[in-house]
Protein backbone atom coordinates (compact mmCIF):
# COMPACT_ATOMS: atom_id res chain seq x y z
CA UNK A 1 2.41 11.56 23.59
CA UNK A 2 4.38 8.53 24.65
CA UNK A 3 2.94 5.40 26.22
CA UNK A 4 4.40 6.11 29.65
CA UNK A 5 2.64 9.48 29.86
CA UNK A 6 -0.65 8.01 28.62
CA UNK A 7 -0.39 5.14 31.12
CA UNK A 8 0.28 7.57 33.97
CA UNK A 9 -2.68 9.69 32.94
CA UNK A 10 -4.87 6.59 32.66
CA UNK A 11 -3.84 5.53 36.17
CA UNK A 12 -4.99 8.94 37.37
CA UNK A 13 -8.42 8.30 35.85
CA UNK A 14 -8.04 10.02 32.47
CA UNK A 15 -10.23 7.84 30.23
CA UNK A 16 -9.25 9.75 27.09
CA UNK A 17 -5.60 8.82 27.64
CA UNK A 18 -6.56 5.16 27.81
CA UNK A 19 -8.69 5.53 24.66
CA UNK A 20 -5.56 6.71 22.88
CA UNK A 21 -3.70 3.61 24.07
CA UNK A 22 -6.53 1.43 22.79
CA UNK A 23 -6.44 3.13 19.40
CA UNK A 24 -2.67 2.76 19.28
CA UNK A 25 -2.61 -0.96 20.14
CA UNK A 26 -5.93 -2.49 19.12
CA UNK A 27 -4.64 -3.71 15.75
CA UNK A 28 -1.60 -5.33 17.40
CA UNK A 29 -3.75 -7.10 20.02
CA UNK A 30 -6.24 -8.36 17.42
CA UNK A 31 -3.41 -9.56 15.21
CA UNK A 32 -1.71 -11.38 18.07
CA UNK A 33 -4.90 -13.07 19.26
CA UNK A 34 -5.82 -14.01 15.70
CA UNK A 35 -2.73 -16.22 15.49
CA UNK A 36 -4.34 -18.61 17.96
CA UNK A 37 -7.01 -19.61 15.37
CA UNK A 38 -9.91 -18.60 17.55
CA UNK A 39 -13.22 -17.76 15.92
CA UNK A 40 -13.62 -14.05 15.15
CA UNK A 41 -16.05 -13.49 18.03
CA UNK A 42 -13.65 -15.10 20.51
CA UNK A 43 -10.82 -12.87 19.26
CA UNK A 44 -13.02 -9.81 19.75
CA UNK A 45 -14.00 -10.94 23.25
CA UNK A 46 -10.39 -11.64 24.23
CA UNK A 47 -9.22 -8.30 22.84
CA UNK A 48 -11.93 -6.50 24.78
CA UNK A 49 -11.01 -8.44 27.92
CA UNK A 50 -7.32 -7.59 27.35
CA UNK A 51 -8.04 -3.87 27.31
CA UNK A 52 -10.44 -4.16 30.23
CA UNK A 53 -7.80 -5.94 32.35
CA UNK A 54 -5.19 -3.41 31.26
CA UNK A 55 -7.46 -0.55 32.30
CA UNK A 56 -8.26 -2.10 35.67
CA UNK A 57 -4.58 -2.85 36.33
CA UNK A 58 -2.94 0.19 34.72
CA UNK A 59 -1.55 1.21 38.09
CA UNK A 60 0.52 -2.02 38.00
CA UNK A 61 2.24 -0.99 34.77
CA UNK A 62 5.70 0.22 35.65
CA UNK A 63 7.79 1.55 32.78
CA UNK A 64 10.72 1.88 35.17
CA UNK A 65 11.11 -1.91 35.16
CA UNK A 66 12.03 -1.73 31.48
CA UNK A 67 8.91 -3.21 29.93
CA UNK A 68 7.15 -1.23 27.25
CA UNK A 69 3.40 -0.77 27.38
CA UNK A 70 3.00 -2.94 24.27
CA UNK A 71 4.94 -5.78 25.91
CA UNK A 72 2.81 -5.50 29.05
CA UNK A 73 -0.36 -5.50 26.95
CA UNK A 74 0.70 -8.52 24.86
CA UNK A 75 1.50 -10.38 28.08
CA UNK A 76 -2.08 -9.84 29.23
CA UNK A 77 -3.42 -10.97 25.83
CA UNK A 78 -1.12 -14.01 25.86
CA UNK A 79 -2.33 -15.12 29.28
CA UNK A 80 -5.97 -14.74 28.24
CA UNK A 81 -5.31 -16.67 25.00
CA UNK A 82 -3.63 -19.50 26.88
CA UNK A 83 -6.57 -19.71 29.26
CA UNK A 84 -9.01 -19.73 26.35
CA UNK A 85 -7.04 -22.48 24.58
CA UNK A 86 -7.21 -24.58 27.73
CA UNK A 87 -10.99 -24.05 27.95
CA UNK A 88 -11.34 -24.85 24.25
CA UNK A 89 -9.35 -28.04 24.65
CA UNK A 90 -11.57 -29.13 27.52
CA UNK A 91 -14.69 -28.44 25.43
CA UNK A 92 -13.14 -30.23 22.43
CA UNK A 93 -13.90 -27.39 20.05
CA UNK A 94 -12.07 -27.22 16.77
CA UNK A 95 -10.67 -24.10 15.10
CA UNK A 96 -12.93 -22.25 12.72
CA UNK A 97 -12.11 -22.62 9.07
CA UNK A 98 -10.11 -19.81 7.61
CA UNK A 99 -12.73 -19.74 4.88
CA UNK A 100 -15.13 -18.23 7.44
CA UNK A 101 -12.90 -15.20 7.86
CA UNK A 102 -13.60 -12.19 5.74
CA UNK A 103 -10.88 -12.31 3.10
CA UNK A 104 -12.29 -9.62 0.83
CA UNK A 105 -12.90 -9.74 -2.90
CA UNK A 106 -10.26 -11.42 -5.01
CA UNK A 107 -10.32 -11.93 -8.77
CA UNK A 108 -8.10 -15.02 -8.70
CA UNK A 109 -9.24 -18.39 -9.93
CA UNK A 110 -11.47 -20.01 -7.27
CA UNK A 111 -9.29 -23.15 -7.32
CA UNK A 112 -6.16 -21.09 -6.53
CA UNK A 113 -7.98 -19.25 -3.76
CA UNK A 114 -9.13 -22.56 -2.27
CA UNK A 115 -5.60 -24.00 -2.42
CA UNK A 116 -4.14 -20.90 -0.74
CA UNK A 117 -6.75 -21.05 2.01
CA UNK A 118 -6.13 -24.75 2.48
CA UNK A 119 -2.35 -24.29 2.71
CA UNK A 120 -2.74 -21.29 5.01
CA UNK A 121 -5.12 -23.23 7.24
CA UNK A 122 -2.81 -26.26 7.38
CA UNK A 123 0.21 -24.13 8.31
CA UNK A 124 -1.69 -22.15 10.93
CA UNK A 125 -3.20 -25.34 12.31
CA UNK A 126 0.32 -26.82 12.59
CA UNK A 127 1.52 -23.69 14.39
CA UNK A 128 -1.44 -23.97 16.74
CA UNK A 129 -0.43 -27.55 17.60
CA UNK A 130 3.03 -26.53 18.78
CA UNK A 131 3.59 -26.95 22.52
CA UNK A 132 2.62 -23.69 24.23
CA UNK A 133 6.11 -22.39 25.05
CA UNK A 134 7.23 -22.89 21.44
CA UNK A 135 3.96 -21.63 19.95
CA UNK A 136 4.14 -18.30 21.73
CA UNK A 137 7.82 -17.78 20.90
CA UNK A 138 7.27 -18.55 17.19
CA UNK A 139 4.14 -16.38 16.91
CA UNK A 140 5.70 -13.41 18.70
CA UNK A 141 8.93 -13.70 16.73
CA UNK A 142 7.70 -14.29 13.19
CA UNK A 143 4.17 -12.97 13.05
CA UNK A 144 4.27 -10.10 15.51
CA UNK A 145 7.94 -9.41 14.71
CA UNK A 146 8.92 -8.71 18.29
CA UNK A 147 12.56 -8.69 19.28
CA UNK A 148 14.00 -11.51 21.35
CA UNK A 149 14.32 -9.09 24.26
CA UNK A 150 10.63 -8.14 24.08
CA UNK A 151 9.62 -11.80 23.91
CA UNK A 152 11.85 -12.54 26.90
CA UNK A 153 10.01 -9.87 28.89
CA UNK A 154 6.63 -11.28 27.90
CA UNK A 155 7.66 -14.85 28.65
CA UNK A 156 9.60 -13.80 31.76
CA UNK A 157 12.65 -15.83 30.79
CA UNK A 158 16.20 -15.16 29.53
CA UNK A 159 16.83 -14.16 25.90
CA UNK A 160 18.80 -17.38 25.37
CA UNK A 161 15.74 -19.39 26.33
CA UNK A 162 13.66 -17.45 23.80
CA UNK A 163 16.24 -18.15 21.06
CA UNK A 164 16.12 -21.83 21.93
CA UNK A 165 12.32 -21.90 21.92
CA UNK A 166 12.09 -20.17 18.54
CA UNK A 167 14.68 -22.54 17.05
CA UNK A 168 13.06 -25.65 18.54
CA UNK A 169 9.59 -24.42 17.62
CA UNK A 170 10.67 -24.07 13.98
CA UNK A 171 12.09 -27.61 14.07
CA UNK A 172 8.88 -29.07 15.48
CA UNK A 173 6.81 -27.06 12.99
CA UNK A 174 8.90 -28.41 10.11
CA UNK A 175 8.38 -31.97 11.40
CA UNK A 176 4.62 -31.47 11.62
CA UNK A 177 4.42 -29.97 8.13
CA UNK A 178 6.62 -32.70 6.63
CA UNK A 179 4.53 -35.40 8.31
CA UNK A 180 1.40 -33.89 6.74
CA UNK A 181 3.11 -33.53 3.33
CA UNK A 182 2.77 -29.75 3.37
CA UNK A 183 6.51 -29.27 2.78
């Protein structure tokens, strides 16, 4: 069953159709929200809120306009993440350490593991400090591997603007990492 059919059925009140959409896209939504360096509980809350908003507004999804369901869903998640970042900035919270995340068992030397976590944290922290329009473009392009066209739909801007944002975001990221002696 394709997304359009499931969305139409969901709009008609078929909860099982929406459950299938959740199962299909929950990993993508969690992955996307995780790139914002929120604590695990915040990511879970935002993912749940994303699907709740999608369910409440499923009648607004219009595949005829050219947007895929996944693009529509990521747009909802993006808006919620931006709002949460703004709240977080006002509260002056700092991102949770990547060491708090469940990384699983690894037989590597503890020093190597610590260095990898430190480097990973520093890079993700640098990405998180990018200005919002560049941050979203870089995350969607490199981590979520969306096409420029899909990103343009999410960002509601021309493809050329997305290209520019990805390019400029990489430049700014390089400057941040060089300044911090990561590169």
